[in-house]
Amino acid sequence: MRGVNGNNGTNDRKHWTKSSTATTSNDKDPNNEISVLLRKKQERLRELFYKSRPTIETLYARVLKEYAVHEAIHKMDEADNKLYKIASKFENTTTSLNHEQRQEMQAALKEHNIHYASFHGLKK
């Protein structure tokens, strides 16, 4: 059976026992202290995360709702703009139709006045 370093397993065990016995509580290894501090910080951050997670989820849900409201308002504004454009076109069309109708009415009135004048002129 091969060990981690390519040797048989006995050599690896000797290396492990040497390294584990080499560091005692009297020796202060700065790397070991840093890793202990890092582990403590990670544990503290994990605790804080799990404690604050419901608050984070609540705030996230609120943000999503506010974003949905913002999007709805934006879509309503776009719909209002489209409706305004359509209403403006409709009003212009109505105005132009009324203008055409007025022109037709004025032409018919002129023709009526001509016929009326000619009729009353013959009558006199």
PDB file of N, CA and C in Angstrom:
ATOM      1  N   MET A   1       0.838  -1.173   0.000  1.00  0.00           N
ATOM      2  CA  MET A   1       0.000   0.000   0.000  1.00  0.00           C
ATOM      3  C   MET A   1       0.880   1.231   0.000  1.00  0.00           C
ATOM      4  N   ARG A   2       0.554   2.212  -0.831  1.00  0.00           N
ATOM      5  CA  ARG A   2       1.372   3.411  -0.969  1.00  0.00           C
ATOM      6  C   ARG A   2       0.866   4.476  -0.014  1.00  0.00           C
ATOM      7  N   GLY A   3       1.766   5.264   0.509  1.00  0.00           N
ATOM      8  CA  GLY A   3       1.408   6.353   1.401  1.00  0.00           C
ATOM      9  C   GLY A   3       1.173   7.634   0.621  1.00  0.00           C
ATOM     10  N   VAL A   4       0.997   8.721   1.345  1.00  0.00           N
ATOM     11  CA  VAL A   4       0.717  10.006   0.722  1.00  0.00           C
ATOM     12  C   VAL A   4       1.907  10.492  -0.079  1.00  0.00           C
ATOM     13  N   ASN A   5       3.100  10.310   0.436  1.00  0.00           N
ATOM     14  CA  ASN A   5       4.295  10.802  -0.244  1.00  0.00           C
ATOM     15  C   ASN A   5       4.872   9.784  -1.214  1.00  0.00           C
ATOM     16  N   GLY A   6       4.168   8.739  -1.493  1.00  0.00           N
ATOM     17  CA  GLY A   6       4.663   7.737  -2.425  1.00  0.00           C
ATOM     18  C   GLY A   6       5.397   6.618  -1.704  1.00  0.00           C
ATOM     19  N   ASN A   7       5.607   6.730  -0.423  1.00  0.00           N
ATOM     20  CA  ASN A   7       6.260   5.674   0.350  1.00  0.00           C
ATOM     21  C   ASN A   7       5.188   4.760   0.911  1.00  0.00           C
ATOM     22  N   ASN A   8       5.673   3.723   1.603  1.00  0.00           N
ATOM     23  CA  ASN A   8       4.656   2.914   2.261  1.00  0.00           C
ATOM     24  C   ASN A   8       4.131   3.699   3.461  1.00  0.00           C
ATOM     25  N   GLY A   9       3.038   3.331   4.035  1.00  0.00           N
ATOM     26  CA  GLY A   9       2.345   4.096   5.047  1.00  0.00           C
ATOM     27  C   GLY A   9       3.132   4.335   6.325  1.00  0.00           C
ATOM     28  N   THR A  10       4.138   3.500   6.627  1.00  0.00           N
ATOM     29  CA  THR A  10       4.861   3.643   7.895  1.00  0.00           C
ATOM     30  C   THR A  10       5.686   4.917   7.911  1.00  0.00           C
ATOM     31  N   ASN A  11       6.277   5.258   6.794  1.00  0.00           N
ATOM     32  CA  ASN A  11       7.101   6.463   6.726  1.00  0.00           C
ATOM     33  C   ASN A  11       6.261   7.714   6.975  1.00  0.00           C
ATOM     34  N   ASP A  12       5.049   7.748   6.413  1.00  0.00           N
ATOM     35  CA  ASP A  12       4.159   8.890   6.607  1.00  0.00           C
ATOM     36  C   ASP A  12       3.765   9.026   8.068  1.00  0.00           C
ATOM     37  N   ARG A  13       3.524   7.913   8.725  1.00  0.00           N
ATOM     38  CA  ARG A  13       3.118   7.970  10.127  1.00  0.00           C
ATOM     39  C   ARG A  13       4.244   8.511  10.994  1.00  0.00           C
ATOM     40  N   LYS A  14       5.477   8.132  10.673  1.00  0.00           N
ATOM     41  CA  LYS A  14       6.612   8.649  11.439  1.00  0.00           C
ATOM     42  C   LYS A  14       6.706  10.162  11.278  1.00  0.00           C
ATOM     43  N   HIS A  15       6.537  10.626  10.039  1.00  0.00           N
ATOM     44  CA  HIS A  15       6.608  12.064   9.772  1.00  0.00           C
ATOM     45  C   HIS A  15       5.509  12.797  10.533  1.00  0.00           C
ATOM     46  N   TRP A  16       4.333  12.221  10.575  1.00  0.00           N
ATOM     47  CA  TRP A  16       3.208  12.863  11.253  1.00  0.00           C
ATOM     48  C   TRP A  16       3.450  12.914  12.760  1.00  0.00           C
ATOM     49  N   THR A  17       3.971  11.841  13.312  1.00  0.00           N
ATOM     50  CA  THR A  17       4.210  11.838  14.761  1.00  0.00           C
ATOM     51  C   THR A  17       5.308  12.810  15.119  1.00  0.00           C
ATOM     52  N   LYS A  18       6.306  12.955  14.266  1.00  0.00           N
ATOM     53  CA  LYS A  18       7.373  13.918  14.536  1.00  0.00           C
ATOM     54  C   LYS A  18       6.829  15.341  14.530  1.00  0.00           C
ATOM     55  N   SER A  19       6.039  15.676  13.503  1.00  0.00           N
ATOM     56  CA  SER A  19       5.559  17.049  13.388  1.00  0.00           C
ATOM     57  C   SER A  19       4.554  17.370  14.483  1.00  0.00           C
ATOM     58  N   SER A  20       3.752  16.400  14.891  1.00  0.00           N
ATOM     59  CA  SER A  20       2.774  16.693  15.924  1.00  0.00           C
ATOM     60  C   SER A  20       3.440  16.813  17.286  1.00  0.00           C
ATOM     61  N   THR A  21       4.515  16.083  17.522  1.00  0.00           N
ATOM     62  CA  THR A  21       5.205  16.196  18.810  1.00  0.00           C
ATOM     63  C   THR A  21       6.157  17.371  18.823  1.00  0.00           C
ATOM     64  N   ALA A  22       6.523  17.877  17.656  1.00  0.00           N
ATOM     65  CA  ALA A  22       7.483  18.976  17.605  1.00  0.00           C
ATOM     66  C   ALA A  22       6.872  20.260  18.130  1.00  0.00           C
ATOM     67  N   THR A  23       5.585  20.488  17.892  1.00  0.00           N
ATOM     68  CA  THR A  23       4.961  21.711  18.376  1.00  0.00           C
ATOM     69  C   THR A  23       4.297  21.418  19.707  1.00  0.00           C
ATOM     70  N   THR A  24       4.785  22.039  20.719  1.00  0.00           N
ATOM     71  CA  THR A  24       4.197  21.862  22.046  1.00  0.00           C
ATOM     72  C   THR A  24       3.518  23.151  22.437  1.00  0.00           C
ATOM     73  N   SER A  25       2.883  23.149  23.570  1.00  0.00           N
ATOM     74  CA  SER A  25       2.189  24.341  24.028  1.00  0.00           C
ATOM     75  C   SER A  25       3.175  25.435  24.421  1.00  0.00           C
ATOM     76  N   ASN A  26       4.435  25.067  24.683  1.00  0.00           N
ATOM     77  CA  ASN A  26       5.442  26.072  25.032  1.00  0.00           C
ATOM     78  C   ASN A  26       5.883  26.867  23.811  1.00  0.00           C
ATOM     79  N   ASP A  27       5.917  26.221  22.638  1.00  0.00           N
ATOM     80  CA  ASP A  27       6.305  26.908  21.405  1.00  0.00           C
ATOM     81  C   ASP A  27       5.092  27.653  20.864  1.00  0.00           C
ATOM     82  N   LYS A  28       5.280  28.943  20.550  1.00  0.00           N
ATOM     83  CA  LYS A  28       4.186  29.724  19.963  1.00  0.00           C
ATOM     84  C   LYS A  28       4.495  29.925  18.487  1.00  0.00           C
ATOM     85  N   ASP A  29       3.800  29.191  17.679  1.00  0.00           N
ATOM     86  CA  ASP A  29       3.953  29.299  16.234  1.00  0.00           C
ATOM     87  C   ASP A  29       3.024  30.409  15.747  1.00  0.00           C
ATOM     88  N   PRO A  30       3.584  31.476  15.134  1.00  0.00           N
ATOM     89  CA  PRO A  30       2.723  32.572  14.683  1.00  0.00           C
ATOM     90  C   PRO A  30       1.701  32.126  13.638  1.00  0.00           C
ATOM     91  N   ASN A  31       2.069  31.177  12.783  1.00  0.00           N
ATOM     92  CA  ASN A  31       1.126  30.679  11.781  1.00  0.00           C
ATOM     93  C   ASN A  31      -0.046  29.965  12.442  1.00  0.00           C
ATOM     94  N   ASN A  32       0.261  29.199  13.492  1.00  0.00           N
ATOM     95  CA  ASN A  32      -0.789  28.483  14.203  1.00  0.00           C
ATOM     96  C   ASN A  32      -1.712  29.474  14.909  1.00  0.00           C
ATOM     97  N   GLU A  33      -1.136  30.516  15.506  1.00  0.00           N
ATOM     98  CA  GLU A  33      -1.950  31.533  16.181  1.00  0.00           C
ATOM     99  C   GLU A  33      -2.864  32.242  15.178  1.00  0.00           C
ATOM    100  N   ILE A  34      -2.324  32.529  14.020  1.00  0.00           N
ATOM    101  CA  ILE A  34      -3.121  33.191  12.982  1.00  0.00           C
ATOM    102  C   ILE A  34      -4.265  32.288  12.536  1.00  0.00           C
ATOM    103  N   SER A  35      -3.976  31.005  12.337  1.00  0.00           N
ATOM    104  CA  SER A  35      -5.039  30.096  11.903  1.00  0.00           C
ATOM    105  C   SER A  35      -6.105  29.939  12.988  1.00  0.00           C
ATOM    106  N   VAL A  36      -5.694  29.955  14.262  1.00  0.00           N
ATOM    107  CA  VAL A  36      -6.675  29.886  15.351  1.00  0.00           C
ATOM    108  C   VAL A  36      -7.538  31.144  15.340  1.00  0.00           C
ATOM    109  N   LEU A  37      -6.902  32.305  15.184  1.00  0.00           N
ATOM    110  CA  LEU A  37      -7.656  33.559  15.126  1.00  0.00           C
ATOM    111  C   LEU A  37      -8.602  33.577  13.925  1.00  0.00           C
ATOM    112  N   LEU A  38      -8.112  33.084  12.798  1.00  0.00           N
ATOM    113  CA  LEU A  38      -8.962  33.031  11.602  1.00  0.00           C
ATOM    114  C   LEU A  38     -10.165  32.121  11.820  1.00  0.00           C
ATOM    115  N   ARG A  39      -9.934  30.959  12.447  1.00  0.00           N
ATOM    116  CA  ARG A  39     -11.040  30.051  12.730  1.00  0.00           C
ATOM    117  C   ARG A  39     -12.063  30.707  13.654  1.00  0.00           C
ATOM    118  N   LYS A  40     -11.557  31.417  14.685  1.00  0.00           N
ATOM    119  CA  LYS A  40     -12.470  32.100  15.608  1.00  0.00           C
ATOM    120  C   LYS A  40     -13.273  33.174  14.877  1.00  0.00           C
ATOM    121  N   LYS A  41     -12.593  33.925  14.016  1.00  0.00           N
ATOM    122  CA  LYS A  41     -13.286  34.958  13.242  1.00  0.00           C
ATOM    123  C   LYS A  41     -14.333  34.331  12.322  1.00  0.00           C
ATOM    124  N   GLN A  42     -13.970  33.234  11.680  1.00  0.00           N
ATOM    125  CA  GLN A  42     -14.918  32.558  10.800  1.00  0.00           C
ATOM    126  C   GLN A  42     -16.134  32.067  11.579  1.00  0.00           C
ATOM    127  N   GLU A  43     -15.891  31.498  12.761  1.00  0.00           N
ATOM    128  CA  GLU A  43     -17.006  31.041  13.587  1.00  0.00           C
ATOM    129  C   GLU A  43     -17.886  32.214  13.999  1.00  0.00           C
ATOM    130  N   ARG A  44     -17.266  33.325  14.382  1.00  0.00           N
ATOM    131  CA  ARG A  44     -18.028  34.509  14.790  1.00  0.00           C
ATOM    132  C   ARG A  44     -18.849  35.057  13.616  1.00  0.00           C
ATOM    133  N   LEU A  45     -18.222  35.116  12.445  1.00  0.00           N
ATOM    134  CA  LEU A  45     -18.942  35.578  11.260  1.00  0.00           C
ATOM    135  C   LEU A  45     -20.098  34.643  10.911  1.00  0.00           C
ATOM    136  N   ARG A  46     -19.878  33.334  11.040  1.00  0.00           N
ATOM    137  CA  ARG A  46     -20.928  32.361  10.773  1.00  0.00           C
ATOM    138  C   ARG A  46     -22.095  32.564  11.741  1.00  0.00           C
ATOM    139  N   GLU A  47     -21.773  32.766  13.027  1.00  0.00           N
ATOM    140  CA  GLU A  47     -22.818  33.022  14.025  1.00  0.00           C
ATOM    141  C   GLU A  47     -23.596  34.294  13.687  1.00  0.00           C
ATOM    142  N   LEU A  48     -22.856  35.349  13.360  1.00  0.00           N
ATOM    143  CA  LEU A  48     -23.519  36.606  13.014  1.00  0.00           C
ATOM    144  C   LEU A  48     -24.403  36.451  11.783  1.00  0.00           C
ATOM    145  N   PHE A  49     -23.908  35.695  10.814  1.00  0.00           N
ATOM    146  CA  PHE A  49     -24.695  35.484   9.602  1.00  0.00           C
ATOM    147  C   PHE A  49     -25.993  34.760   9.925  1.00  0.00           C
ATOM    148  N   TYR A  50     -25.900  33.679  10.708  1.00  0.00           N
ATOM    149  CA  TYR A  50     -27.114  32.925  11.021  1.00  0.00           C
ATOM    150  C   TYR A  50     -28.060  33.711  11.911  1.00  0.00           C
ATOM    151  N   LYS A  51     -27.521  34.572  12.774  1.00  0.00           N
ATOM    152  CA  LYS A  51     -28.386  35.425  13.594  1.00  0.00           C
ATOM    153  C   LYS A  51     -29.070  36.492  12.740  1.00  0.00           C
ATOM    154  N   SER A  52     -28.338  37.045  11.791  1.00  0.00           N
ATOM    155  CA  SER A  52     -28.878  38.143  10.983  1.00  0.00           C
ATOM    156  C   SER A  52     -29.596  37.654   9.727  1.00  0.00           C
ATOM    157  N   ARG A  53     -29.565  36.375   9.462  1.00  0.00           N
ATOM    158  CA  ARG A  53     -30.170  35.843   8.243  1.00  0.00           C
ATOM    159  C   ARG A  53     -31.660  36.169   8.113  1.00  0.00           C
ATOM    160  N   PRO A  54     -32.484  36.000   9.157  1.00  0.00           N
ATOM    161  CA  PRO A  54     -33.902  36.373   9.004  1.00  0.00           C
ATOM    162  C   PRO A  54     -34.089  37.850   8.655  1.00  0.00           C
ATOM    163  N   THR A  55     -33.277  38.704   9.268  1.00  0.00           N
ATOM    164  CA  THR A  55     -33.364  40.134   8.968  1.00  0.00           C
ATOM    165  C   THR A  55     -32.966  40.390   7.521  1.00  0.00           C
ATOM    166  N   ILE A  56     -31.913  39.735   7.085  1.00  0.00           N
ATOM    167  CA  ILE A  56     -31.448  39.891   5.701  1.00  0.00           C
ATOM    168  C   ILE A  56     -32.535  39.426   4.733  1.00  0.00           C
ATOM    169  N   GLU A  57     -33.151  38.274   5.030  1.00  0.00           N
ATOM    170  CA  GLU A  57     -34.196  37.763   4.143  1.00  0.00           C
ATOM    171  C   GLU A  57     -35.406  38.690   4.120  1.00  0.00           C
ATOM    172  N   THR A  58     -35.760  39.249   5.288  1.00  0.00           N
ATOM    173  CA  THR A  58     -36.883  40.186   5.351  1.00  0.00           C
ATOM    174  C   THR A  58     -36.588  41.431   4.527  1.00  0.00           C
ATOM    175  N   LEU A  59     -35.387  41.973   4.698  1.00  0.00           N
ATOM    176  CA  LEU A  59     -35.005  43.169   3.943  1.00  0.00           C
ATOM    177  C   LEU A  59     -34.958  42.880   2.446  1.00  0.00           C
ATOM    178  N   TYR A  60     -34.461  41.708   2.094  1.00  0.00           N
ATOM    179  CA  TYR A  60     -34.397  41.330   0.684  1.00  0.00           C
ATOM    180  C   TYR A  60     -35.802  41.234   0.095  1.00  0.00           C
ATOM    181  N   ALA A  61     -36.735  40.653   0.863  1.00  0.00           N
ATOM    182  CA  ALA A  61     -38.121  40.562   0.393  1.00  0.00           C
ATOM    183  C   ALA A  61     -38.716  41.956   0.213  1.00  0.00           C
ATOM    184  N   ARG A  62     -38.409  42.869   1.135  1.00  0.00           N
ATOM    185  CA  ARG A  62     -38.898  44.247   1.007  1.00  0.00           C
ATOM    186  C   ARG A  62     -38.338  44.914  -0.238  1.00  0.00           C
ATOM    187  N   VAL A  63     -37.048  44.705  -0.468  1.00  0.00           N
ATOM    188  CA  VAL A  63     -36.409  45.299  -1.649  1.00  0.00           C
ATOM    189  C   VAL A  63     -37.062  44.761  -2.921  1.00  0.00           C
ATOM    190  N   LEU A  64     -37.331  43.450  -2.947  1.00  0.00           N
ATOM    191  CA  LEU A  64     -37.992  42.874  -4.119  1.00  0.00           C
ATOM    192  C   LEU A  64     -39.382  43.469  -4.324  1.00  0.00           C
ATOM    193  N   LYS A  65     -40.125  43.664  -3.220  1.00  0.00           N
ATOM    194  CA  LYS A  65     -41.459  44.264  -3.335  1.00  0.00           C
ATOM    195  C   LYS A  65     -41.361  45.700  -3.831  1.00  0.00           C
ATOM    196  N   GLU A  66     -40.421  46.468  -3.275  1.00  0.00           N
ATOM    197  CA  GLU A  66     -40.262  47.858  -3.706  1.00  0.00           C
ATOM    198  C   GLU A  66     -39.842  47.927  -5.170  1.00  0.00           C
ATOM    199  N   TYR A  67     -38.988  47.002  -5.582  1.00  0.00           N
ATOM    200  CA  TYR A  67     -38.573  46.965  -6.979  1.00  0.00           C
ATOM    201  C   TYR A  67     -39.769  46.639  -7.874  1.00  0.00           C
ATOM    202  N   ALA A  68     -40.607  45.699  -7.418  1.00  0.00           N
ATOM    203  CA  ALA A  68     -41.802  45.353  -8.194  1.00  0.00           C
ATOM    204  C   ALA A  68     -42.729  46.560  -8.307  1.00  0.00           C
ATOM    205  N   VAL A  69     -42.876  47.309  -7.207  1.00  0.00           N
ATOM    206  CA  VAL A  69     -43.705  48.518  -7.244  1.00  0.00           C
ATOM    207  C   VAL A  69     -43.101  49.532  -8.207  1.00  0.00           C
ATOM    208  N   HIS A  70     -41.781  49.700  -8.125  1.00  0.00           N
ATOM    209  CA  HIS A  70     -41.093  50.633  -9.026  1.00  0.00           C
ATOM    210  C   HIS A  70     -41.308  50.229 -10.484  1.00  0.00           C
ATOM    211  N   GLU A  71     -41.168  48.947 -10.772  1.00  0.00           N
ATOM    212  CA  GLU A  71     -41.373  48.469 -12.140  1.00  0.00           C
ATOM    213  C   GLU A  71     -42.819  48.690 -12.580  1.00  0.00           C
ATOM    214  N   ALA A  72     -43.769  48.438 -11.675  1.00  0.00           N
ATOM    215  CA  ALA A  72     -45.180  48.649 -12.016  1.00  0.00           C
ATOM    216  C   ALA A  72     -45.449  50.120 -12.312  1.00  0.00           C
ATOM    217  N   ILE A  73     -44.874  51.007 -11.504  1.00  0.00           N
ATOM    218  CA  ILE A  73     -45.044  52.447 -11.739  1.00  0.00           C
ATOM    219  C   ILE A  73     -44.444  52.833 -13.086  1.00  0.00           C
ATOM    220  N   HIS A  74     -43.273  52.287 -13.376  1.00  0.00           N
ATOM    221  CA  HIS A  74     -42.612  52.574 -14.651  1.00  0.00           C
ATOM    222  C   HIS A  74     -43.481  52.103 -15.824  1.00  0.00           C
ATOM    223  N   LYS A  75     -44.035  50.895 -15.712  1.00  0.00           N
ATOM    224  CA  LYS A  75     -44.894  50.379 -16.779  1.00  0.00           C
ATOM    225  C   LYS A  75     -46.163  51.212 -16.907  1.00  0.00           C
ATOM    226  N   MET A  76     -46.702  51.665 -15.765  1.00  0.00           N
ATOM    227  CA  MET A  76     -47.891  52.522 -15.814  1.00  0.00           C
ATOM    228  C   MET A  76     -47.569  53.849 -16.484  1.00  0.00           C
ATOM    229  N   ASP A  77     -46.383  54.394 -16.199  1.00  0.00           N
ATOM    230  CA  ASP A  77     -45.972  55.638 -16.858  1.00  0.00           C
ATOM    231  C   ASP A  77     -45.869  55.443 -18.368  1.00  0.00           C
ATOM    232  N   GLU A  78     -45.278  54.313 -18.772  1.00  0.00           N
ATOM    233  CA  GLU A  78     -45.182  54.026 -20.208  1.00  0.00           C
ATOM    234  C   GLU A  78     -46.572  53.887 -20.828  1.00  0.00           C
ATOM    235  N   ALA A  79     -47.471  53.204 -20.127  1.00  0.00           N
ATOM    236  CA  ALA A  79     -48.841  53.047 -20.634  1.00  0.00           C
ATOM    237  C   ALA A  79     -49.539  54.402 -20.713  1.00  0.00           C
ATOM    238  N   ASP A  80     -49.322  55.264 -19.707  1.00  0.00           N
ATOM    239  CA  ASP A  80     -49.905  56.611 -19.746  1.00  0.00           C
ATOM    240  C   ASP A  80     -49.393  57.394 -20.943  1.00  0.00           C
ATOM    241  N   ASN A  81     -48.085  57.286 -21.209  1.00  0.00           N
ATOM    242  CA  ASN A  81     -47.510  57.989 -22.363  1.00  0.00           C
ATOM    243  C   ASN A  81     -48.129  57.488 -23.668  1.00  0.00           C
ATOM    244  N   LYS A  82     -48.271  56.160 -23.783  1.00  0.00           N
ATOM    245  CA  LYS A  82     -48.885  55.604 -24.997  1.00  0.00           C
ATOM    246  C   LYS A  82     -50.337  56.056 -25.123  1.00  0.00           C
ATOM    247  N   LEU A  83     -51.053  56.028 -23.999  1.00  0.00           N
ATOM    248  CA  LEU A  83     -52.448  56.459 -24.013  1.00  0.00           C
ATOM    249  C   LEU A  83     -52.563  57.929 -24.393  1.00  0.00           C
ATOM    250  N   TYR A  84     -51.645  58.756 -23.881  1.00  0.00           N
ATOM    251  CA  TYR A  84     -51.651  60.179 -24.224  1.00  0.00           C
ATOM    252  C   TYR A  84     -51.413  60.374 -25.721  1.00  0.00           C
ATOM    253  N   LYS A  85     -50.456  59.614 -26.275  1.00  0.00           N
ATOM    254  CA  LYS A  85     -50.188  59.724 -27.712  1.00  0.00           C
ATOM    255  C   LYS A  85     -51.411  59.315 -28.530  1.00  0.00           C
ATOM    256  N   ILE A  86     -52.051  58.217 -28.115  1.00  0.00           N
ATOM    257  CA  ILE A  86     -53.243  57.757 -28.839  1.00  0.00           C
ATOM    258  C   ILE A  86     -54.363  58.783 -28.723  1.00  0.00           C
ATOM    259  N   ALA A  87     -54.563  59.327 -27.518  1.00  0.00           N
ATOM    260  CA  ALA A  87     -55.609  60.339 -27.318  1.00  0.00           C
ATOM    261  C   ALA A  87     -55.318  61.584 -28.141  1.00  0.00           C
ATOM    262  N   SER A  88     -54.033  61.958 -28.219  1.00  0.00           N
ATOM    263  CA  SER A  88     -53.653  63.126 -29.010  1.00  0.00           C
ATOM    264  C   SER A  88     -53.947  62.891 -30.490  1.00  0.00           C
ATOM    265  N   LYS A  89     -53.598  61.701 -30.982  1.00  0.00           N
ATOM    266  CA  LYS A  89     -53.896  61.376 -32.383  1.00  0.00           C
ATOM    267  C   LYS A  89     -55.401  61.369 -32.623  1.00  0.00           C
ATOM    268  N   PHE A  90     -56.155  60.802 -31.678  1.00  0.00           N
ATOM    269  CA  PHE A  90     -57.606  60.759 -31.811  1.00  0.00           C
ATOM    270  C   PHE A  90     -58.187  62.167 -31.838  1.00  0.00           C
ATOM    271  N   GLU A  91     -57.673  63.025 -30.952  1.00  0.00           N
ATOM    272  CA  GLU A  91     -58.157  64.412 -30.909  1.00  0.00           C
ATOM    273  C   GLU A  91     -57.845  65.138 -32.211  1.00  0.00           C
ATOM    274  N   ASN A  92     -56.615  64.937 -32.722  1.00  0.00           N
ATOM    275  CA  ASN A  92     -56.255  65.562 -34.003  1.00  0.00           C
ATOM    276  C   ASN A  92     -57.146  65.049 -35.130  1.00  0.00           C
ATOM    277  N   THR A  93     -57.411  63.752 -35.114  1.00  0.00           N
ATOM    278  CA  THR A  93     -58.280  63.171 -36.136  1.00  0.00           C
ATOM    279  C   THR A  93     -59.685  63.741 -36.016  1.00  0.00           C
ATOM    280  N   THR A  94     -60.180  63.824 -34.786  1.00  0.00           N
ATOM    281  CA  THR A  94     -61.517  64.380 -34.562  1.00  0.00           C
ATOM    282  C   THR A  94     -61.577  65.832 -34.994  1.00  0.00           C
ATOM    283  N   THR A  95     -60.545  66.586 -34.664  1.00  0.00           N
ATOM    284  CA  THR A  95     -60.499  67.997 -35.052  1.00  0.00           C
ATOM    285  C   THR A  95     -60.478  68.132 -36.564  1.00  0.00           C
ATOM    286  N   SER A  96     -59.675  67.298 -37.220  1.00  0.00           N
ATOM    287  CA  SER A  96     -59.605  67.395 -38.677  1.00  0.00           C
ATOM    288  C   SER A  96     -60.922  66.957 -39.305  1.00  0.00           C
ATOM    289  N   LEU A  97     -61.561  65.944 -38.734  1.00  0.00           N
ATOM    290  CA  LEU A  97     -62.866  65.553 -39.265  1.00  0.00           C
ATOM    291  C   LEU A  97     -63.873  66.672 -39.061  1.00  0.00           C
ATOM    292  N   ASN A  98     -63.863  67.279 -37.933  1.00  0.00           N
ATOM    293  CA  ASN A  98     -64.776  68.388 -37.683  1.00  0.00           C
ATOM    294  C   ASN A  98     -64.490  69.541 -38.636  1.00  0.00           C
ATOM    295  N   HIS A  99     -63.223  69.776 -38.907  1.00  0.00           N
ATOM    296  CA  HIS A  99     -62.860  70.836 -39.848  1.00  0.00           C
ATOM    297  C   HIS A  99     -63.391  70.503 -41.240  1.00  0.00           C
ATOM    298  N   GLU A 100     -63.202  69.240 -41.654  1.00  0.00           N
ATOM    299  CA  GLU A 100     -63.729  68.825 -42.954  1.00  0.00           C
ATOM    300  C   GLU A 100     -65.254  68.925 -42.975  1.00  0.00           C
ATOM    301  N   GLN A 101     -65.858  68.495 -41.872  1.00  0.00           N
ATOM    302  CA  GLN A 101     -67.313  68.595 -41.802  1.00  0.00           C
ATOM    303  C   GLN A 101     -67.754  70.060 -41.861  1.00  0.00           C
ATOM    304  N   ARG A 102     -66.972  70.925 -41.179  1.00  0.00           N
ATOM    305  CA  ARG A 102     -67.296  72.361 -41.237  1.00  0.00           C
ATOM    306  C   ARG A 102     -67.169  72.886 -42.659  1.00  0.00           C
ATOM    307  N   GLN A 103     -66.121  72.476 -43.367  1.00  0.00           N
ATOM    308  CA  GLN A 103     -65.955  72.918 -44.753  1.00  0.00           C
ATOM    309  C   GLN A 103     -67.110  72.435 -45.622  1.00  0.00           C
ATOM    310  N   GLU A 104     -67.487  71.152 -45.434  1.00  0.00           N
ATOM    311  CA  GLU A 104     -68.624  70.635 -46.199  1.00  0.00           C
ATOM    312  C   GLU A 104     -69.910  71.401 -45.857  1.00  0.00           C
ATOM    313  N   MET A 105     -70.062  71.683 -44.549  1.00  0.00           N
ATOM    314  CA  MET A 105     -71.246  72.422 -44.124  1.00  0.00           C
ATOM    315  C   MET A 105     -71.249  73.835 -44.716  1.00  0.00           C
ATOM    316  N   GLN A 106     -70.087  74.494 -44.722  1.00  0.00           N
ATOM    317  CA  GLN A 106     -70.006  75.847 -45.288  1.00  0.00           C
ATOM    318  C   GLN A 106     -70.286  75.819 -46.788  1.00  0.00           C
ATOM    319  N   ALA A 107     -69.773  74.809 -47.474  1.00  0.00           N
ATOM    320  CA  ALA A 107     -70.043  74.696 -48.917  1.00  0.00           C
ATOM    321  C   ALA A 107     -71.530  74.461 -49.162  1.00  0.00           C
ATOM    322  N   ALA A 108     -72.128  73.591 -48.335  1.00  0.00           N
ATOM    323  CA  ALA A 108     -73.572  73.332 -48.481  1.00  0.00           C
ATOM    324  C   ALA A 108     -74.374  74.586 -48.157  1.00  0.00           C
ATOM    325  N   LEU A 109     -73.939  75.348 -47.144  1.00  0.00           N
ATOM    326  CA  LEU A 109     -74.634  76.589 -46.775  1.00  0.00           C
ATOM    327  C   LEU A 109     -74.542  77.616 -47.896  1.00  0.00           C
ATOM    328  N   LYS A 110     -73.356  77.724 -48.499  1.00  0.00           N
ATOM    329  CA  LYS A 110     -73.202  78.656 -49.628  1.00  0.00           C
ATOM    330  C   LYS A 110     -74.131  78.256 -50.766  1.00  0.00           C
ATOM    331  N   GLU A 111     -74.167  76.966 -51.054  1.00  0.00           N
ATOM    332  CA  GLU A 111     -75.030  76.491 -52.134  1.00  0.00           C
ATOM    333  C   GLU A 111     -76.499  76.755 -51.789  1.00  0.00           C
ATOM    334  N   HIS A 112     -76.850  76.519 -50.538  1.00  0.00           N
ATOM    335  CA  HIS A 112     -78.223  76.792 -50.095  1.00  0.00           C
ATOM    336  C   HIS A 112     -78.543  78.279 -50.229  1.00  0.00           C
ATOM    337  N   ASN A 113     -77.604  79.134 -49.818  1.00  0.00           N
ATOM    338  CA  ASN A 113     -77.821  80.587 -49.923  1.00  0.00           C
ATOM    339  C   ASN A 113     -77.982  81.008 -51.384  1.00  0.00           C
ATOM    340  N   ILE A 114     -77.198  80.400 -52.260  1.00  0.00           N
ATOM    341  CA  ILE A 114     -77.323  80.726 -53.689  1.00  0.00           C
ATOM    342  C   ILE A 114     -78.700  80.317 -54.193  1.00  0.00           C
ATOM    343  N   HIS A 115     -79.119  79.096 -53.872  1.00  0.00           N
ATOM    344  CA  HIS A 115     -80.448  78.633 -54.290  1.00  0.00           C
ATOM    345  C   HIS A 115     -81.552  79.487 -53.664  1.00  0.00           C
ATOM    346  N   TYR A 116     -81.369  79.824 -52.412  1.00  0.00           N
ATOM    347  CA  TYR A 116     -82.360  80.651 -51.715  1.00  0.00           C
ATOM    348  C   TYR A 116     -82.467  82.032 -52.362  1.00  0.00           C
ATOM    349  N   ALA A 117     -81.293  82.614 -52.640  1.00  0.00           N
ATOM    350  CA  ALA A 117     -81.297  83.952 -53.259  1.00  0.00           C
ATOM    351  C   ALA A 117     -81.916  83.893 -54.643  1.00  0.00           C
ATOM    352  N   SER A 118     -81.594  82.859 -55.402  1.00  0.00           N
ATOM    353  CA  SER A 118     -82.157  82.758 -56.751  1.00  0.00           C
ATOM    354  C   SER A 118     -83.664  82.508 -56.690  1.00  0.00           C
ATOM    355  N   PHE A 119     -84.095  81.698 -55.716  1.00  0.00           N
ATOM    356  CA  PHE A 119     -85.522  81.441 -55.583  1.00  0.00           C
ATOM    357  C   PHE A 119     -86.274  82.710 -55.190  1.00  0.00           C
ATOM    358  N   HIS A 120     -85.747  83.423 -54.193  1.00  0.00           N
ATOM    359  CA  HIS A 120     -86.414  84.647 -53.761  1.00  0.00           C
ATOM    360  C   HIS A 120     -86.271  85.757 -54.804  1.00  0.00           C
ATOM    361  N   GLY A 121     -85.211  85.694 -55.556  1.00  0.00           N
ATOM    362  CA  GLY A 121     -85.049  86.688 -56.621  1.00  0.00           C
ATOM    363  C   GLY A 121     -86.086  86.494 -57.709  1.00  0.00           C
ATOM    364  N   LEU A 122     -86.419  85.246 -58.028  1.00  0.00           N
ATOM    365  CA  LEU A 122     -87.428  84.967 -59.027  1.00  0.00           C
ATOM    366  C   LEU A 122     -88.820  85.305 -58.507  1.00  0.00           C
ATOM    367  N   LYS A 123     -88.971  85.124 -57.199  1.00  0.00           N
ATOM    368  CA  LYS A 123     -90.268  85.370 -56.606  1.00  0.00           C
ATOM    369  C   LYS A 123     -90.603  86.860 -56.625  1.00  0.00           C
ATOM    370  N   LYS A 124     -89.619  87.690 -56.477  1.00  0.00           N
ATOM    371  CA  LYS A 124     -89.877  89.130 -56.433  1.00  0.00           C
ATOM    372  C   LYS A 124     -90.215  89.558 -57.794  1.00  0.00           C
TER     373      LYS A 124
END
